[in-house]
């Protein structure tokens, strides 16, 4: 199994924040549900920031670390809400 495969497995099985950071920083995109809402997480733009979408609402951050510190999902800090999120698709 390659290191990339191990990171993907860790993300899908444990929702590790470290694996999430690694996957997104390497260009993967993620669709997930949390508290009934569908979210999409990906890199964006020439500066390679990170966007978190819920419908047409975007939260954008300079990097994954800022997203983990500042993003909110349904009024709940990302790191708290992520524990109950369900991964739908890893692109």
Protein backbone atom coordinates (compact mmCIF):
# COMPACT_ATOMS: atom_id res chain seq x y z
CA UNK A 1 0.00 0.00 0.00
CA UNK A 2 1.39 3.43 -0.95
CA UNK A 3 1.69 6.27 1.56
CA UNK A 4 -1.04 8.11 -0.34
CA UNK A 5 -3.36 5.11 0.05
CA UNK A 6 -2.58 4.99 3.78
CA UNK A 7 -3.44 8.69 4.19
CA UNK A 8 -6.73 8.21 2.33
CA UNK A 9 -7.56 5.16 4.48
CA UNK A 10 -6.78 7.11 7.65
CA UNK A 11 -9.01 9.97 6.53
CA UNK A 12 -11.92 7.73 5.58
CA UNK A 13 -11.69 5.47 8.64
CA UNK A 14 -10.77 7.91 11.42
CA UNK A 15 -11.37 11.39 9.96
CA UNK A 16 -7.90 12.35 11.16
CA UNK A 17 -7.30 16.10 10.88
CA UNK A 18 -3.71 15.44 9.81
CA UNK A 19 -4.90 13.17 6.99
CA UNK A 20 -7.52 15.78 6.00
CA UNK A 21 -4.85 18.50 5.79
CA UNK A 22 -2.54 16.26 3.78
CA UNK A 23 -5.25 15.20 1.32
CA UNK A 24 -6.55 18.72 0.65
CA UNK A 25 -3.07 20.23 0.39
CA UNK A 26 -2.23 17.62 -2.25
CA UNK A 27 -5.22 18.58 -4.38
CA UNK A 28 -7.92 16.18 -3.22
CA UNK A 29 -11.47 17.51 -2.79
CA UNK A 30 -13.97 16.35 -0.22
CA UNK A 31 -17.75 16.28 -0.01
CA UNK A 32 -19.21 15.61 3.43
CA UNK A 33 -22.39 15.96 5.48
CA UNK A 34 -22.66 17.50 8.90
CA UNK A 35 -25.87 18.14 10.82
CA UNK A 36 -27.90 17.53 7.66
CA UNK A 37 -25.95 20.04 5.53
CA UNK A 38 -23.78 19.12 2.56
CA UNK A 39 -20.30 20.70 2.37
CA UNK A 40 -17.57 20.75 -0.25
CA UNK A 41 -13.92 21.40 0.63
CA UNK A 42 -11.20 22.14 -1.93
CA UNK A 43 -8.18 24.26 -2.85
CA UNK A 44 -8.89 27.39 -4.88
CA UNK A 45 -7.40 30.20 -6.86
CA UNK A 46 -3.88 31.11 -7.86
CA UNK A 47 -2.83 31.57 -4.21
CA UNK A 48 -3.98 28.01 -3.49
CA UNK A 49 -6.16 28.97 -0.55
CA UNK A 50 -8.87 26.66 0.71
CA UNK A 51 -12.64 27.01 0.22
CA UNK A 52 -15.41 25.43 2.23
CA UNK A 53 -18.78 25.55 0.48
CA UNK A 54 -22.28 24.92 1.79
CA UNK A 55 -24.67 25.44 -1.11
CA UNK A 56 -23.69 28.81 -2.60
CA UNK A 57 -22.12 30.07 0.64
CA UNK A 58 -18.32 30.06 0.68
CA UNK A 59 -15.87 30.37 3.54
CA UNK A 60 -12.34 30.88 2.25
CA UNK A 61 -9.03 30.63 4.08
CA UNK A 62 -5.35 31.08 3.26
CA UNK A 63 -4.53 27.50 4.30
CA UNK A 64 -5.95 24.38 5.94
CA UNK A 65 -4.67 25.39 9.37
CA UNK A 66 -6.69 28.65 9.21
CA UNK A 67 -9.74 26.69 8.09
CA UNK A 68 -9.42 24.36 11.08
CA UNK A 69 -9.05 27.33 13.42
CA UNK A 70 -11.74 29.63 11.98
CA UNK A 71 -14.34 27.75 9.90
CA UNK A 72 -17.79 27.05 11.27
CA UNK A 73 -20.29 24.38 10.26
CA UNK A 74 -23.82 25.35 11.18
CA UNK A 75 -22.55 27.74 13.86
CA UNK A 76 -20.21 25.13 15.38
CA UNK A 77 -16.41 25.36 15.13
CA UNK A 78 -15.12 23.08 12.37
CA UNK A 79 -12.94 20.89 14.64
CA UNK A 80 -15.91 20.19 16.93
CA UNK A 81 -18.40 19.60 14.11
CA UNK A 82 -15.96 17.43 12.10
CA UNK A 83 -16.23 14.67 14.72
CA UNK A 84 -19.84 14.01 13.68
CA UNK A 85 -19.37 14.60 9.92
CA UNK A 86 -19.96 11.83 7.40
CA UNK A 87 -17.65 11.73 4.39
CA UNK A 88 -19.68 11.39 1.19
CA UNK A 89 -17.01 11.50 -1.55
CA UNK A 90 -13.27 12.00 -1.68
CA UNK A 91 -12.34 13.21 -5.16
